[in-house]
Amino acid sequence: MRTIELNKRQEQIVQIVKEQGPITGEQIAEQLNLTRATLRPDLAILTMAGFLDARPRVGYFYTGKSSNQLLSDHINKLLVKDHQSIPVVVNENVSVYDAITAMFLEDVGTLFVVNDKSILTGVLSRKDLLRASIGKQDLNQLPVHIIMTRMPNITWCEKEDTLRDVAYRLIERQIDALPVVKKTENGFEVIGRITKTNITKAFVTLSRDDDR
């Protein structure tokens, strides 16, 4: 992911504010032999990006943050709730055959298993279903709760978690997706899913925004 790159004039502005802040926009414009109107877009970009802080009737301050720090700040603001997908769930009593069908029809790599009260009880991966299909058991008669990964051995997340934290969990557990859950008095209700693809798309979008 790329760092935030500034043009020459923006770098000059940052340097002036760093050395002389607080300083007004008019004073910066005067030093650069520019009009305040010409400078306004650059000041807006630098303020929105986090390089500068502006206070009414006082002027501009240097935040002291590098491009890498600012990019890290942006990443830490990416939350699960803004990037999660609709979960694909199956009841714990459905057959492995039906689960395989659901997985391919929905084009997902992970199914979340719930009980009759819609509470998370397990997770099914492609590997789980493949392993079951290799055996000699009748897949139409084998319920998924026999082969699924059960609570409490399930890694999950909540909607207010950051994508960075979720990425760490996915890498650490070597899995492709996590259920997004809401805690209830009966257990965890599945309200979404977050995948490696969700996270990749979010980081690519952030990188494109930084390049503008």
N, C-alpha and C. Protein backbone atom coordinates (compact mmCIF):
# COMPACT_ATOMS: atom_id res chain seq x y z
N MET A 1 0.84 -1.19 0.00
CA MET A 1 0.00 0.00 0.00
C MET A 1 0.88 1.24 0.00
N ARG A 2 0.50 2.20 -0.82
CA ARG A 2 1.36 3.37 -0.98
C ARG A 2 1.16 4.38 0.14
N THR A 3 2.21 5.12 0.42
CA THR A 3 2.10 6.22 1.36
C THR A 3 1.47 7.42 0.67
N ILE A 4 1.05 8.40 1.48
CA ILE A 4 0.45 9.60 0.93
C ILE A 4 1.55 10.49 0.36
N GLU A 5 1.47 10.77 -0.95
CA GLU A 5 2.51 11.56 -1.61
C GLU A 5 2.03 12.99 -1.82
N LEU A 6 2.87 13.95 -1.48
CA LEU A 6 2.54 15.37 -1.63
C LEU A 6 3.28 15.96 -2.83
N ASN A 7 2.66 16.97 -3.45
CA ASN A 7 3.39 17.67 -4.50
C ASN A 7 4.33 18.69 -3.88
N LYS A 8 5.13 19.34 -4.71
CA LYS A 8 6.17 20.23 -4.21
C LYS A 8 5.60 21.37 -3.38
N ARG A 9 4.49 21.97 -3.86
CA ARG A 9 3.92 23.10 -3.13
C ARG A 9 3.36 22.67 -1.78
N GLN A 10 2.75 21.51 -1.76
CA GLN A 10 2.21 21.01 -0.49
C GLN A 10 3.33 20.73 0.50
N GLU A 11 4.45 20.20 0.01
CA GLU A 11 5.60 19.98 0.88
C GLU A 11 6.13 21.30 1.44
N GLN A 12 6.12 22.36 0.61
CA GLN A 12 6.56 23.68 1.07
C GLN A 12 5.62 24.21 2.16
N ILE A 13 4.34 24.01 1.96
CA ILE A 13 3.36 24.46 2.96
C ILE A 13 3.58 23.76 4.29
N VAL A 14 3.75 22.44 4.23
CA VAL A 14 3.97 21.67 5.47
C VAL A 14 5.22 22.18 6.18
N GLN A 15 6.29 22.42 5.43
CA GLN A 15 7.53 22.88 6.03
C GLN A 15 7.35 24.25 6.69
N ILE A 16 6.63 25.16 6.04
CA ILE A 16 6.39 26.49 6.61
C ILE A 16 5.60 26.37 7.91
N VAL A 17 4.54 25.59 7.89
CA VAL A 17 3.71 25.44 9.09
C VAL A 17 4.51 24.74 10.20
N LYS A 18 5.33 23.77 9.81
CA LYS A 18 6.14 23.06 10.79
C LYS A 18 7.08 24.01 11.51
N GLU A 19 7.65 24.95 10.78
CA GLU A 19 8.64 25.86 11.35
C GLU A 19 8.02 27.08 12.02
N GLN A 20 6.86 27.52 11.53
CA GLN A 20 6.33 28.81 11.98
C GLN A 20 4.94 28.74 12.61
N GLY A 21 4.33 27.59 12.61
CA GLY A 21 2.96 27.48 13.13
C GLY A 21 2.85 27.82 14.60
N PRO A 22 1.66 28.32 15.04
CA PRO A 22 0.48 28.55 14.21
C PRO A 22 0.67 29.72 13.26
N ILE A 23 0.15 29.53 12.06
CA ILE A 23 0.31 30.55 11.03
C ILE A 23 -0.96 30.57 10.18
N THR A 24 -1.38 31.75 9.76
CA THR A 24 -2.62 31.87 9.00
C THR A 24 -2.40 31.52 7.53
N GLY A 25 -3.51 31.26 6.84
CA GLY A 25 -3.43 30.97 5.41
C GLY A 25 -2.91 32.15 4.62
N GLU A 26 -3.29 33.34 5.05
CA GLU A 26 -2.81 34.54 4.36
C GLU A 26 -1.29 34.68 4.48
N GLN A 27 -0.76 34.36 5.66
CA GLN A 27 0.69 34.46 5.86
C GLN A 27 1.44 33.42 5.03
N ILE A 28 0.86 32.22 4.93
CA ILE A 28 1.49 31.18 4.10
C ILE A 28 1.48 31.61 2.64
N ALA A 29 0.34 32.12 2.18
CA ALA A 29 0.21 32.56 0.79
C ALA A 29 1.21 33.66 0.47
N GLU A 30 1.40 34.56 1.40
CA GLU A 30 2.33 35.67 1.18
C GLU A 30 3.75 35.16 1.01
N GLN A 31 4.15 34.19 1.83
CA GLN A 31 5.51 33.65 1.74
C GLN A 31 5.74 32.91 0.42
N LEU A 32 4.68 32.33 -0.14
CA LEU A 32 4.81 31.59 -1.39
C LEU A 32 4.48 32.44 -2.61
N ASN A 33 4.20 33.73 -2.36
CA ASN A 33 3.83 34.64 -3.45
C ASN A 33 2.62 34.13 -4.23
N LEU A 34 1.63 33.66 -3.50
CA LEU A 34 0.40 33.15 -4.08
C LEU A 34 -0.79 33.86 -3.45
N THR A 35 -1.94 33.76 -4.11
CA THR A 35 -3.16 34.30 -3.52
C THR A 35 -3.73 33.26 -2.54
N ARG A 36 -4.54 33.74 -1.63
CA ARG A 36 -5.18 32.83 -0.66
C ARG A 36 -6.09 31.84 -1.39
N ALA A 37 -6.76 32.30 -2.46
CA ALA A 37 -7.65 31.42 -3.21
C ALA A 37 -6.88 30.29 -3.89
N THR A 38 -5.69 30.60 -4.41
CA THR A 38 -4.87 29.57 -5.06
C THR A 38 -4.41 28.52 -4.06
N LEU A 39 -4.15 28.97 -2.84
CA LEU A 39 -3.61 28.08 -1.82
C LEU A 39 -4.69 27.24 -1.15
N ARG A 40 -5.93 27.69 -1.22
CA ARG A 40 -7.02 27.05 -0.46
C ARG A 40 -7.16 25.55 -0.72
N PRO A 41 -7.13 25.05 -1.97
CA PRO A 41 -7.25 23.60 -2.19
C PRO A 41 -6.13 22.80 -1.53
N ASP A 42 -4.90 23.31 -1.58
CA ASP A 42 -3.78 22.59 -0.95
C ASP A 42 -3.96 22.53 0.56
N LEU A 43 -4.38 23.62 1.16
CA LEU A 43 -4.59 23.64 2.61
C LEU A 43 -5.71 22.67 3.00
N ALA A 44 -6.75 22.62 2.17
CA ALA A 44 -7.85 21.70 2.45
C ALA A 44 -7.39 20.25 2.39
N ILE A 45 -6.59 19.92 1.38
CA ILE A 45 -6.08 18.56 1.23
C ILE A 45 -5.18 18.19 2.41
N LEU A 46 -4.29 19.08 2.78
CA LEU A 46 -3.36 18.80 3.87
C LEU A 46 -4.08 18.66 5.21
N THR A 47 -5.15 19.42 5.38
CA THR A 47 -5.92 19.32 6.62
C THR A 47 -6.72 18.03 6.66
N MET A 48 -7.40 17.70 5.56
CA MET A 48 -8.19 16.47 5.50
C MET A 48 -7.31 15.23 5.61
N ALA A 49 -6.11 15.30 5.04
CA ALA A 49 -5.20 14.16 5.09
C ALA A 49 -4.56 13.99 6.46
N GLY A 50 -4.60 15.04 7.29
CA GLY A 50 -4.07 14.93 8.63
C GLY A 50 -2.69 15.51 8.85
N PHE A 51 -2.08 16.09 7.81
CA PHE A 51 -0.76 16.70 7.98
C PHE A 51 -0.85 17.98 8.81
N LEU A 52 -1.94 18.72 8.60
CA LEU A 52 -2.11 19.99 9.31
C LEU A 52 -3.41 19.97 10.11
N ASP A 53 -3.44 20.80 11.13
CA ASP A 53 -4.66 21.00 11.90
C ASP A 53 -4.98 22.49 11.83
N ALA A 54 -6.25 22.82 11.65
CA ALA A 54 -6.65 24.23 11.51
C ALA A 54 -7.58 24.63 12.65
N ARG A 55 -7.32 25.82 13.20
CA ARG A 55 -8.18 26.35 14.26
C ARG A 55 -8.64 27.75 13.87
N PRO A 56 -9.95 28.02 13.97
CA PRO A 56 -10.48 29.33 13.58
C PRO A 56 -9.81 30.46 14.35
N ARG A 57 -9.48 31.52 13.63
CA ARG A 57 -8.90 32.74 14.19
C ARG A 57 -7.53 32.51 14.83
N VAL A 58 -6.97 31.36 14.64
CA VAL A 58 -5.62 31.07 15.16
C VAL A 58 -4.67 30.74 14.01
N GLY A 59 -5.04 29.76 13.20
CA GLY A 59 -4.19 29.40 12.07
C GLY A 59 -3.97 27.91 11.96
N TYR A 60 -2.93 27.57 11.21
CA TYR A 60 -2.62 26.17 10.94
C TYR A 60 -1.48 25.68 11.84
N PHE A 61 -1.63 24.42 12.29
CA PHE A 61 -0.61 23.76 13.12
C PHE A 61 -0.11 22.53 12.38
N TYR A 62 1.13 22.15 12.63
CA TYR A 62 1.69 20.91 12.10
C TYR A 62 1.36 19.78 13.07
N THR A 63 0.80 18.70 12.57
CA THR A 63 0.40 17.60 13.45
C THR A 63 1.56 16.73 13.91
N GLY A 64 2.68 16.80 13.18
CA GLY A 64 3.84 16.01 13.56
C GLY A 64 3.81 14.58 13.08
N LYS A 65 2.85 14.26 12.19
CA LYS A 65 2.72 12.89 11.72
C LYS A 65 3.32 12.72 10.33
N SER A 66 4.00 11.60 10.13
CA SER A 66 4.58 11.28 8.83
C SER A 66 3.51 10.67 7.92
N SER A 67 3.86 10.50 6.65
CA SER A 67 2.93 9.87 5.71
C SER A 67 2.55 8.47 6.17
N ASN A 68 3.53 7.70 6.64
CA ASN A 68 3.25 6.35 7.09
C ASN A 68 2.34 6.34 8.31
N GLN A 69 2.55 7.29 9.22
CA GLN A 69 1.68 7.38 10.40
C GLN A 69 0.26 7.73 10.01
N LEU A 70 0.13 8.65 9.06
CA LEU A 70 -1.20 9.05 8.61
C LEU A 70 -1.91 7.89 7.92
N LEU A 71 -1.17 7.13 7.11
CA LEU A 71 -1.76 5.98 6.44
C LEU A 71 -2.20 4.95 7.48
N SER A 72 -1.37 4.76 8.51
CA SER A 72 -1.72 3.83 9.58
C SER A 72 -2.98 4.30 10.30
N ASP A 73 -3.11 5.60 10.50
CA ASP A 73 -4.32 6.15 11.13
C ASP A 73 -5.55 5.84 10.29
N HIS A 74 -5.42 6.00 8.97
CA HIS A 74 -6.55 5.72 8.08
C HIS A 74 -6.93 4.24 8.16
N ILE A 75 -5.94 3.36 8.18
CA ILE A 75 -6.21 1.93 8.24
C ILE A 75 -6.93 1.58 9.53
N ASN A 76 -6.51 2.20 10.63
CA ASN A 76 -7.13 1.90 11.92
C ASN A 76 -8.56 2.40 12.04
N LYS A 77 -8.99 3.23 11.09
CA LYS A 77 -10.36 3.72 11.10
C LYS A 77 -11.29 2.84 10.26
N LEU A 78 -10.73 1.85 9.57
CA LEU A 78 -11.56 0.94 8.78
C LEU A 78 -12.19 -0.09 9.71
N LEU A 79 -13.51 -0.07 9.80
CA LEU A 79 -14.23 -0.95 10.72
C LEU A 79 -14.98 -2.05 9.98
N VAL A 80 -15.17 -3.15 10.67
CA VAL A 80 -15.86 -4.29 10.10
C VAL A 80 -17.25 -3.91 9.60
N LYS A 81 -17.98 -3.11 10.37
CA LYS A 81 -19.38 -2.79 10.03
C LYS A 81 -19.51 -2.10 8.67
N ASP A 82 -18.45 -1.43 8.23
CA ASP A 82 -18.50 -0.71 6.96
C ASP A 82 -18.10 -1.57 5.76
N HIS A 83 -17.63 -2.78 6.02
CA HIS A 83 -17.10 -3.61 4.92
C HIS A 83 -17.58 -5.06 4.96
N GLN A 84 -18.40 -5.42 5.92
CA GLN A 84 -18.87 -6.79 6.03
C GLN A 84 -19.84 -7.16 4.93
N SER A 85 -19.98 -8.47 4.69
CA SER A 85 -20.91 -9.00 3.69
C SER A 85 -22.06 -9.71 4.39
N ILE A 86 -23.06 -10.08 3.59
CA ILE A 86 -24.20 -10.84 4.14
C ILE A 86 -23.72 -12.25 4.46
N PRO A 87 -24.02 -12.76 5.66
CA PRO A 87 -23.56 -14.10 6.02
C PRO A 87 -24.35 -15.19 5.31
N VAL A 88 -23.70 -16.29 5.06
CA VAL A 88 -24.38 -17.46 4.51
C VAL A 88 -24.42 -18.51 5.62
N VAL A 89 -25.63 -18.81 6.10
CA VAL A 89 -25.78 -19.70 7.25
C VAL A 89 -26.59 -20.93 6.88
N VAL A 90 -26.34 -22.01 7.60
CA VAL A 90 -27.13 -23.23 7.48
C VAL A 90 -27.46 -23.73 8.87
N ASN A 91 -28.55 -24.43 8.97
CA ASN A 91 -28.93 -25.02 10.25
C ASN A 91 -28.04 -26.22 10.56
N GLU A 92 -27.78 -26.42 11.83
CA GLU A 92 -26.87 -27.50 12.23
C GLU A 92 -27.38 -28.89 11.90
N ASN A 93 -28.66 -29.02 11.56
CA ASN A 93 -29.23 -30.33 11.25
C ASN A 93 -29.32 -30.63 9.76
N VAL A 94 -28.91 -29.67 8.90
CA VAL A 94 -28.94 -29.97 7.47
C VAL A 94 -27.86 -30.98 7.13
N SER A 95 -28.02 -31.63 6.00
CA SER A 95 -27.05 -32.65 5.59
C SER A 95 -25.80 -32.02 5.00
N VAL A 96 -24.73 -32.79 5.03
CA VAL A 96 -23.49 -32.34 4.40
C VAL A 96 -23.71 -32.10 2.91
N TYR A 97 -24.53 -32.93 2.27
CA TYR A 97 -24.82 -32.74 0.85
C TYR A 97 -25.47 -31.37 0.61
N ASP A 98 -26.44 -31.02 1.43
CA ASP A 98 -27.12 -29.73 1.28
C ASP A 98 -26.15 -28.57 1.56
N ALA A 99 -25.23 -28.77 2.51
CA ALA A 99 -24.25 -27.73 2.82
C ALA A 99 -23.30 -27.50 1.64
N ILE A 100 -22.89 -28.60 1.01
CA ILE A 100 -22.02 -28.49 -0.17
C ILE A 100 -22.76 -27.74 -1.28
N THR A 101 -24.02 -28.08 -1.48
CA THR A 101 -24.82 -27.39 -2.50
C THR A 101 -24.93 -25.90 -2.20
N ALA A 102 -25.19 -25.56 -0.93
CA ALA A 102 -25.31 -24.15 -0.53
C ALA A 102 -24.00 -23.40 -0.75
N MET A 103 -22.90 -24.04 -0.44
CA MET A 103 -21.60 -23.39 -0.58
C MET A 103 -21.32 -23.04 -2.04
N PHE A 104 -21.64 -23.96 -2.94
CA PHE A 104 -21.35 -23.70 -4.35
C PHE A 104 -22.36 -22.74 -4.96
N LEU A 105 -23.61 -22.83 -4.55
CA LEU A 105 -24.62 -21.91 -5.08
C LEU A 105 -24.36 -20.48 -4.63
N GLU A 106 -23.90 -20.31 -3.41
CA GLU A 106 -23.62 -18.98 -2.87
C GLU A 106 -22.20 -18.51 -3.20
N ASP A 107 -21.38 -19.41 -3.74
CA ASP A 107 -20.00 -19.10 -4.12
C ASP A 107 -19.20 -18.52 -2.95
N VAL A 108 -19.21 -19.24 -1.83
CA VAL A 108 -18.45 -18.84 -0.64
C VAL A 108 -17.55 -19.98 -0.23
N GLY A 109 -16.57 -19.66 0.61
CA GLY A 109 -15.65 -20.69 1.09
C GLY A 109 -15.93 -21.13 2.50
N THR A 110 -16.87 -20.46 3.17
CA THR A 110 -17.17 -20.76 4.56
C THR A 110 -18.67 -20.61 4.81
N LEU A 111 -19.23 -21.57 5.53
CA LEU A 111 -20.62 -21.50 5.96
C LEU A 111 -20.65 -21.40 7.48
N PHE A 112 -21.58 -20.60 7.99
CA PHE A 112 -21.75 -20.49 9.43
C PHE A 112 -22.97 -21.30 9.84
N VAL A 113 -22.80 -22.09 10.87
CA VAL A 113 -23.84 -23.03 11.30
C VAL A 113 -24.56 -22.48 12.52
N VAL A 114 -25.87 -22.50 12.48
CA VAL A 114 -26.68 -21.97 13.59
C VAL A 114 -27.68 -23.03 14.05
N ASN A 115 -28.18 -22.84 15.28
CA ASN A 115 -29.21 -23.73 15.79
C ASN A 115 -30.60 -23.18 15.45
N ASP A 116 -31.63 -23.78 16.01
CA ASP A 116 -32.99 -23.36 15.70
C ASP A 116 -33.32 -21.96 16.22
N LYS A 117 -32.48 -21.44 17.12
CA LYS A 117 -32.68 -20.08 17.64
C LYS A 117 -31.77 -19.07 16.92
N SER A 118 -31.18 -19.49 15.80
CA SER A 118 -30.30 -18.64 14.98
C SER A 118 -29.04 -18.21 15.72
N ILE A 119 -28.60 -19.05 16.65
CA ILE A 119 -27.38 -18.79 17.41
C ILE A 119 -26.23 -19.60 16.82
N LEU A 120 -25.07 -18.96 16.68
CA LEU A 120 -23.90 -19.61 16.09
C LEU A 120 -23.46 -20.81 16.92
N THR A 121 -23.35 -21.94 16.25
CA THR A 121 -22.87 -23.16 16.92
C THR A 121 -21.65 -23.77 16.25
N GLY A 122 -21.39 -23.37 14.99
CA GLY A 122 -20.25 -23.96 14.31
C GLY A 122 -19.91 -23.25 13.01
N VAL A 123 -18.82 -23.70 12.42
CA VAL A 123 -18.34 -23.16 11.13
C VAL A 123 -17.95 -24.34 10.24
N LEU A 124 -18.29 -24.21 8.96
CA LEU A 124 -17.92 -25.22 7.97
C LEU A 124 -17.04 -24.60 6.90
N SER A 125 -15.88 -25.19 6.66
CA SER A 125 -15.00 -24.72 5.60
C SER A 125 -15.05 -25.69 4.42
N ARG A 126 -14.47 -25.29 3.31
CA ARG A 126 -14.38 -26.19 2.16
C ARG A 126 -13.64 -27.47 2.54
N LYS A 127 -12.60 -27.32 3.36
CA LYS A 127 -11.81 -28.50 3.77
C LYS A 127 -12.67 -29.47 4.56
N ASP A 128 -13.52 -28.94 5.45
CA ASP A 128 -14.40 -29.81 6.25
C ASP A 128 -15.30 -30.63 5.33
N LEU A 129 -15.91 -29.96 4.34
CA LEU A 129 -16.84 -30.65 3.46
C LEU A 129 -16.12 -31.61 2.52
N LEU A 130 -14.93 -31.23 2.07
CA LEU A 130 -14.16 -32.11 1.21
C LEU A 130 -13.74 -33.36 1.96
N ARG A 131 -13.31 -33.18 3.20
CA ARG A 131 -12.89 -34.31 4.03
C ARG A 131 -14.06 -35.29 4.24
N ALA A 132 -15.24 -34.75 4.46
CA ALA A 132 -16.41 -35.60 4.67
C ALA A 132 -16.81 -36.33 3.40
N SER A 133 -16.66 -35.66 2.25
CA SER A 133 -17.08 -36.27 0.99
C SER A 133 -16.16 -37.41 0.55
N ILE A 134 -14.92 -37.40 1.05
CA ILE A 134 -13.98 -38.46 0.68
C ILE A 134 -14.32 -39.78 1.36
N GLY A 135 -14.98 -39.70 2.51
CA GLY A 135 -15.33 -40.91 3.26
C GLY A 135 -16.43 -41.70 2.58
N LYS A 136 -16.84 -42.77 3.23
CA LYS A 136 -17.85 -43.67 2.66
C LYS A 136 -19.25 -43.42 3.21
N GLN A 137 -19.39 -42.36 4.01
CA GLN A 137 -20.69 -42.10 4.61
C GLN A 137 -21.64 -41.47 3.59
N ASP A 138 -22.94 -41.67 3.81
CA ASP A 138 -23.96 -41.10 2.95
C ASP A 138 -24.10 -39.62 3.29
N LEU A 139 -23.71 -38.74 2.37
CA LEU A 139 -23.72 -37.31 2.63
C LEU A 139 -25.12 -36.75 2.83
N ASN A 140 -26.12 -37.46 2.30
CA ASN A 140 -27.51 -37.02 2.49
C ASN A 140 -28.01 -37.32 3.90
N GLN A 141 -27.35 -38.22 4.58
CA GLN A 141 -27.77 -38.61 5.93
C GLN A 141 -26.86 -38.07 7.02
N LEU A 142 -25.73 -37.51 6.63
CA LEU A 142 -24.75 -37.02 7.60
C LEU A 142 -25.02 -35.54 7.91
N PRO A 143 -25.43 -35.22 9.16
CA PRO A 143 -25.68 -33.81 9.50
C PRO A 143 -24.38 -33.04 9.68
N VAL A 144 -24.43 -31.75 9.38
CA VAL A 144 -23.20 -30.96 9.42
C VAL A 144 -22.64 -30.80 10.83
N HIS A 145 -23.49 -30.94 11.85
CA HIS A 145 -22.96 -30.75 13.21
C HIS A 145 -21.98 -31.84 13.61
N ILE A 146 -21.94 -32.91 12.83
CA ILE A 146 -20.98 -33.99 13.10
C ILE A 146 -19.57 -33.58 12.67
N ILE A 147 -19.46 -32.79 11.61
CA ILE A 147 -18.13 -32.49 11.04
C ILE A 147 -17.69 -31.04 11.24
N MET A 148 -18.56 -30.17 11.71
CA MET A 148 -18.23 -28.75 11.80
C MET A 148 -17.26 -28.46 12.94
N THR A 149 -16.60 -27.31 12.84
CA THR A 149 -15.81 -26.79 13.96
C THR A 149 -16.79 -26.13 14.93
N ARG A 150 -16.71 -26.51 16.20
CA ARG A 150 -17.71 -26.08 17.17
C ARG A 150 -17.22 -24.93 18.04
N MET A 151 -18.18 -24.22 18.61
CA MET A 151 -17.86 -23.30 19.69
C MET A 151 -17.34 -24.14 20.85
N PRO A 152 -16.34 -23.66 21.61
CA PRO A 152 -15.76 -22.32 21.57
C PRO A 152 -14.50 -22.21 20.69
N ASN A 153 -14.33 -23.16 19.78
CA ASN A 153 -13.13 -23.15 18.92
C ASN A 153 -13.32 -22.35 17.65
N ILE A 154 -14.22 -21.38 17.69
CA ILE A 154 -14.50 -20.55 16.52
C ILE A 154 -13.96 -19.14 16.75
N THR A 155 -13.26 -18.64 15.76
CA THR A 155 -12.79 -17.26 15.82
C THR A 155 -13.85 -16.36 15.21
N TRP A 156 -14.24 -15.32 15.90
CA TRP A 156 -15.30 -14.43 15.46
C TRP A 156 -14.88 -12.98 15.67
N CYS A 157 -15.69 -12.06 15.19
CA CYS A 157 -15.42 -10.64 15.39
C CYS A 157 -16.74 -9.91 15.57
N GLU A 158 -16.65 -8.65 15.97
CA GLU A 158 -17.83 -7.80 16.14
C GLU A 158 -17.74 -6.63 15.18
N LYS A 159 -18.86 -5.96 14.95
CA LYS A 159 -18.92 -4.95 13.91
C LYS A 159 -18.05 -3.73 14.18
N GLU A 160 -17.71 -3.47 15.45
CA GLU A 160 -16.87 -2.32 15.78
C GLU A 160 -15.38 -2.64 15.76
N ASP A 161 -15.03 -3.90 15.49
CA ASP A 161 -13.61 -4.27 15.39
C ASP A 161 -13.00 -3.63 14.14
N THR A 162 -11.69 -3.41 14.17
CA THR A 162 -11.02 -2.85 12.99
C THR A 162 -10.65 -3.97 12.01
N LEU A 163 -10.56 -3.60 10.74
CA LEU A 163 -10.15 -4.58 9.74
C LEU A 163 -8.73 -5.06 9.99
N ARG A 164 -7.89 -4.19 10.55
CA ARG A 164 -6.52 -4.60 10.85
C ARG A 164 -6.51 -5.75 11.85
N ASP A 165 -7.31 -5.65 12.92
CA ASP A 165 -7.37 -6.71 13.92
C ASP A 165 -7.91 -8.00 13.31
N VAL A 166 -8.93 -7.88 12.47
CA VAL A 166 -9.50 -9.05 11.83
C VAL A 166 -8.49 -9.71 10.90
N ALA A 167 -7.72 -8.91 10.18
CA ALA A 167 -6.69 -9.45 9.29
C ALA A 167 -5.68 -10.28 10.07
N TYR A 168 -5.28 -9.77 11.24
CA TYR A 168 -4.35 -10.52 12.09
C TYR A 168 -4.95 -11.87 12.48
N ARG A 169 -6.22 -11.89 12.83
CA ARG A 169 -6.86 -13.14 13.25
C ARG A 169 -6.94 -14.14 12.10
N LEU A 170 -7.27 -13.64 10.91
CA LEU A 170 -7.35 -14.52 9.75
C LEU A 170 -5.99 -15.14 9.44
N ILE A 171 -4.94 -14.33 9.52
CA ILE A 171 -3.59 -14.83 9.24
C ILE A 171 -3.15 -15.81 10.32
N GLU A 172 -3.40 -15.45 11.57
CA GLU A 172 -2.97 -16.30 12.69
C GLU A 172 -3.64 -17.66 12.67
N ARG A 173 -4.94 -17.69 12.35
CA ARG A 173 -5.68 -18.95 12.34
C ARG A 173 -5.67 -19.64 10.99
N GLN A 174 -5.12 -18.97 9.97
CA GLN A 174 -5.04 -19.52 8.61
C GLN A 174 -6.43 -19.90 8.09
N ILE A 175 -7.36 -18.95 8.20
CA ILE A 175 -8.72 -19.16 7.73
C ILE A 175 -9.08 -18.02 6.76
N ASP A 176 -10.20 -18.20 6.04
CA ASP A 176 -10.57 -17.25 4.99
C ASP A 176 -11.65 -16.26 5.40
N ALA A 177 -12.40 -16.58 6.46
CA ALA A 177 -13.53 -15.72 6.82
C ALA A 177 -13.84 -15.84 8.31
N LEU A 178 -14.45 -14.78 8.83
CA LEU A 178 -14.92 -14.78 10.22
C LEU A 178 -16.39 -14.39 10.25
N PRO A 179 -17.16 -14.99 11.17
CA PRO A 179 -18.52 -14.50 11.36
C PRO A 179 -18.50 -13.20 12.15
N VAL A 180 -19.34 -12.26 11.74
CA VAL A 180 -19.54 -11.04 12.52
C VAL A 180 -20.73 -11.31 13.42
N VAL A 181 -20.54 -11.18 14.73
CA VAL A 181 -21.58 -11.61 15.66
C VAL A 181 -22.06 -10.46 16.54
N LYS A 182 -23.26 -10.67 17.07
CA LYS A 182 -23.83 -9.78 18.08
C LYS A 182 -24.12 -10.63 19.31
N LYS A 183 -23.65 -10.21 20.45
CA LYS A 183 -23.85 -10.97 21.67
C LYS A 183 -25.29 -10.83 22.15
N THR A 184 -25.91 -11.96 22.45
CA THR A 184 -27.25 -11.97 23.01
C THR A 184 -27.24 -12.83 24.27
N GLU A 185 -28.34 -12.86 24.97
CA GLU A 185 -28.41 -13.66 26.20
C GLU A 185 -28.36 -15.15 25.90
N ASN A 186 -28.66 -15.52 24.64
CA ASN A 186 -28.64 -16.94 24.26
C ASN A 186 -27.32 -17.38 23.63
N GLY A 187 -26.49 -16.40 23.25
CA GLY A 187 -25.24 -16.73 22.58
C GLY A 187 -24.91 -15.69 21.53
N PHE A 188 -24.21 -16.10 20.49
CA PHE A 188 -23.80 -15.19 19.43
C PHE A 188 -24.73 -15.31 18.23
N GLU A 189 -25.35 -14.19 17.87
CA GLU A 189 -26.16 -14.13 16.66
C GLU A 189 -25.28 -13.67 15.50
N VAL A 190 -25.34 -14.37 14.37
CA VAL A 190 -24.53 -14.02 13.21
C VAL A 190 -25.21 -12.89 12.44
N ILE A 191 -24.52 -11.76 12.29
CA ILE A 191 -25.09 -10.61 11.59
C ILE A 191 -24.30 -10.24 10.33
N GLY A 192 -23.21 -10.96 10.06
CA GLY A 192 -22.43 -10.66 8.87
C GLY A 192 -21.24 -11.59 8.75
N ARG A 193 -20.47 -11.37 7.71
CA ARG A 193 -19.22 -12.11 7.55
C ARG A 193 -18.17 -11.15 7.02
N ILE A 194 -16.93 -11.41 7.38
CA ILE A 194 -15.81 -10.61 6.87
C ILE A 194 -14.77 -11.58 6.33
N THR A 195 -14.32 -11.34 5.12
CA THR A 195 -13.42 -12.27 4.45
C THR A 195 -12.13 -11.57 4.03
N LYS A 196 -11.18 -12.37 3.59
CA LYS A 196 -9.94 -11.80 3.07
C LYS A 196 -10.23 -10.89 1.87
N THR A 197 -11.23 -11.25 1.09
CA THR A 197 -11.59 -10.43 -0.07
C THR A 197 -12.14 -9.08 0.38
N ASN A 198 -13.00 -9.07 1.40
CA ASN A 198 -13.52 -7.80 1.94
C ASN A 198 -12.38 -6.88 2.35
N ILE A 199 -11.41 -7.46 3.06
CA ILE A 199 -10.30 -6.66 3.57
C ILE A 199 -9.42 -6.17 2.44
N THR A 200 -9.16 -7.02 1.46
CA THR A 200 -8.35 -6.61 0.31
C THR A 200 -9.00 -5.46 -0.44
N LYS A 201 -10.32 -5.56 -0.67
CA LYS A 201 -11.04 -4.49 -1.37
C LYS A 201 -10.96 -3.17 -0.60
N ALA A 202 -11.09 -3.25 0.73
CA ALA A 202 -11.04 -2.04 1.56
C ALA A 202 -9.66 -1.38 1.48
N PHE A 203 -8.60 -2.18 1.55
CA PHE A 203 -7.25 -1.63 1.50
C PHE A 203 -6.93 -1.07 0.11
N VAL A 204 -7.43 -1.73 -0.95
CA VAL A 204 -7.21 -1.22 -2.31
C VAL A 204 -7.92 0.11 -2.49
N THR A 205 -9.15 0.22 -1.98
CA THR A 205 -9.89 1.48 -2.05
C THR A 205 -9.17 2.57 -1.31
N LEU A 206 -8.64 2.26 -0.13
CA LEU A 206 -7.89 3.24 0.65
C LEU A 206 -6.66 3.70 -0.11
N SER A 207 -5.96 2.77 -0.75
CA SER A 207 -4.77 3.12 -1.51
C SER A 207 -5.12 4.04 -2.67
N ARG A 208 -6.23 3.77 -3.36
CA ARG A 208 -6.65 4.63 -4.46
C ARG A 208 -7.01 6.01 -3.97
N ASP A 209 -7.67 6.09 -2.80
CA ASP A 209 -8.02 7.39 -2.23
C ASP A 209 -6.77 8.20 -1.91
N ASP A 210 -5.73 7.51 -1.40
CA ASP A 210 -4.49 8.19 -1.05
C ASP A 210 -3.75 8.70 -2.28
N ASP A 211 -3.99 8.04 -3.44
CA ASP A 211 -3.29 8.44 -4.66
C ASP A 211 -3.92 9.66 -5.32
N ARG A 212 -5.11 10.02 -4.88
CA ARG A 212 -5.82 11.14 -5.54
C ARG A 212 -5.25 12.49 -5.10
